[in-house]
Amino acid sequence: MQARYQTAGRLARLDHVNLLLERLRHLFRLARAAEACTRAHHEGAVRRLDEIGRTLHGWRASLRSREVGR
């Protein structure tokens, strides 16, 4: 939400969110390896995390292209 409403430092916040997303991916891999979640739950979570990652990447790329255009 901060990245949407506070324009200063938007790209830095999105980079931080990307890092958090990578941590989540890693934690889900560990959970699956430890058999703390079922295969179906893991696959569903990974699909949603990938979707979020693609959206985040698009947003970051858009902001970067705007900064280059200035």
C-alpha atoms as a PDB file:
ATOM      1  CA  MET A   1       0.000   0.000   0.000  1.00  0.00           C
ATOM      2  CA  GLN A   2       2.821   2.399   0.762  1.00  0.00           C
ATOM      3  CA  ALA A   3       4.248   2.008  -2.725  1.00  0.00           C
ATOM      4  CA  ARG A   4       0.927   3.006  -4.211  1.00  0.00           C
ATOM      5  CA  TYR A   5       0.226   6.105  -2.145  1.00  0.00           C
ATOM      6  CA  GLN A   6       3.716   7.388  -1.306  1.00  0.00           C
ATOM      7  CA  THR A   7       5.509   8.114  -4.545  1.00  0.00           C
ATOM      8  CA  ALA A   8       8.918   8.958  -3.047  1.00  0.00           C
ATOM      9  CA  GLY A   9      11.000   5.791  -2.693  1.00  0.00           C
ATOM     10  CA  ARG A  10       8.418   3.658  -4.480  1.00  0.00           C
ATOM     11  CA  LEU A  11      10.965   1.577  -6.367  1.00  0.00           C
ATOM     12  CA  ALA A  12      13.000   0.904  -3.207  1.00  0.00           C
ATOM     13  CA  ARG A  13       9.862  -0.327  -1.419  1.00  0.00           C
ATOM     14  CA  LEU A  14       9.007  -2.613  -4.314  1.00  0.00           C
ATOM     15  CA  ASP A  15      12.558  -3.995  -4.293  1.00  0.00           C
ATOM     16  CA  HIS A  16      12.120  -4.713  -0.573  1.00  0.00           C
ATOM     17  CA  VAL A  17       8.812  -6.476  -1.241  1.00  0.00           C
ATOM     18  CA  ASN A  18      10.558  -8.552  -3.904  1.00  0.00           C
ATOM     19  CA  LEU A  19      13.118  -9.640  -1.326  1.00  0.00           C
ATOM     20  CA  LEU A  20      10.342 -10.615   1.085  1.00  0.00           C
ATOM     21  CA  LEU A  21       8.674 -12.599  -1.688  1.00  0.00           C
ATOM     22  CA  GLU A  22      11.917 -14.503  -2.301  1.00  0.00           C
ATOM     23  CA  ARG A  23      12.105 -15.300   1.418  1.00  0.00           C
ATOM     24  CA  LEU A  24       8.561 -16.648   1.314  1.00  0.00           C
ATOM     25  CA  ARG A  25       9.419 -18.851  -1.667  1.00  0.00           C
ATOM     26  CA  HIS A  26      12.388 -20.230   0.233  1.00  0.00           C
ATOM     27  CA  LEU A  27      10.303 -20.870   3.351  1.00  0.00           C
ATOM     28  CA  PHE A  28       7.713 -22.770   1.315  1.00  0.00           C
ATOM     29  CA  ARG A  29      10.475 -24.923  -0.200  1.00  0.00           C
ATOM     30  CA  LEU A  30      11.750 -25.687   3.300  1.00  0.00           C
ATOM     31  CA  ALA A  31       8.224 -26.453   4.518  1.00  0.00           C
ATOM     32  CA  ARG A  32       7.700 -28.864   1.646  1.00  0.00           C
ATOM     33  CA  ALA A  33      11.079 -30.523   2.204  1.00  0.00           C
ATOM     34  CA  ALA A  34      10.236 -30.961   5.893  1.00  0.00           C
ATOM     35  CA  GLU A  35       6.840 -32.335   4.884  1.00  0.00           C
ATOM     36  CA  ALA A  36       5.158 -29.571   6.891  1.00  0.00           C
ATOM     37  CA  CYS A  37       2.682 -29.006   4.075  1.00  0.00           C
ATOM     38  CA  THR A  38       1.105 -31.237   1.480  1.00  0.00           C
ATOM     39  CA  ARG A  39       2.186 -31.214  -2.136  1.00  0.00           C
ATOM     40  CA  ALA A  40      -1.138 -29.666  -3.170  1.00  0.00           C
ATOM     41  CA  HIS A  41      -0.809 -26.835  -0.642  1.00  0.00           C
ATOM     42  CA  HIS A  42       2.770 -26.206  -1.715  1.00  0.00           C
ATOM     43  CA  GLU A  43       1.860 -26.103  -5.410  1.00  0.00           C
ATOM     44  CA  GLY A  44      -1.032 -23.726  -4.759  1.00  0.00           C
ATOM     45  CA  ALA A  45       1.131 -21.414  -2.691  1.00  0.00           C
ATOM     46  CA  VAL A  46       3.914 -21.433  -5.269  1.00  0.00           C
ATOM     47  CA  ARG A  47       1.459 -20.604  -8.062  1.00  0.00           C
ATOM     48  CA  ARG A  48       0.117 -17.631  -6.115  1.00  0.00           C
ATOM     49  CA  LEU A  49       3.607 -16.437  -5.193  1.00  0.00           C
ATOM     50  CA  ASP A  50       4.631 -16.647  -8.847  1.00  0.00           C
ATOM     51  CA  GLU A  51       1.601 -14.609  -9.863  1.00  0.00           C
ATOM     52  CA  ILE A  52       2.448 -11.974  -7.267  1.00  0.00           C
ATOM     53  CA  GLY A  53       6.048 -11.983  -8.482  1.00  0.00           C
ATOM     54  CA  ARG A  54       5.008 -11.415 -12.103  1.00  0.00           C
ATOM     55  CA  THR A  55       2.763  -8.518 -11.064  1.00  0.00           C
ATOM     56  CA  LEU A  56       5.515  -7.041  -8.920  1.00  0.00           C
ATOM     57  CA  HIS A  57       8.043  -7.382 -11.750  1.00  0.00           C
ATOM     58  CA  GLY A  58       5.708  -5.563 -14.134  1.00  0.00           C
ATOM     59  CA  TRP A  59       5.184  -2.750 -11.670  1.00  0.00           C
ATOM     60  CA  ARG A  60       8.920  -2.395 -11.045  1.00  0.00           C
ATOM     61  CA  ALA A  61       9.703  -2.423 -14.771  1.00  0.00           C
ATOM     62  CA  SER A  62       7.072   0.236 -15.364  1.00  0.00           C
ATOM     63  CA  LEU A  63       8.547   2.479 -12.678  1.00  0.00           C
ATOM     64  CA  ARG A  64      12.067   1.982 -14.011  1.00  0.00           C
ATOM     65  CA  SER A  65      11.000   2.890 -17.547  1.00  0.00           C
ATOM     66  CA  ARG A  66       9.329   6.049 -16.235  1.00  0.00           C
ATOM     67  CA  GLU A  67      12.509   7.028 -14.422  1.00  0.00           C
ATOM     68  CA  VAL A  68      14.604   6.487 -17.554  1.00  0.00           C
ATOM     69  CA  GLY A  69      12.139   8.573 -19.577  1.00  0.00           C
ATOM     70  CA  ARG A  70      12.547  11.594 -17.312  1.00  0.00           C
END
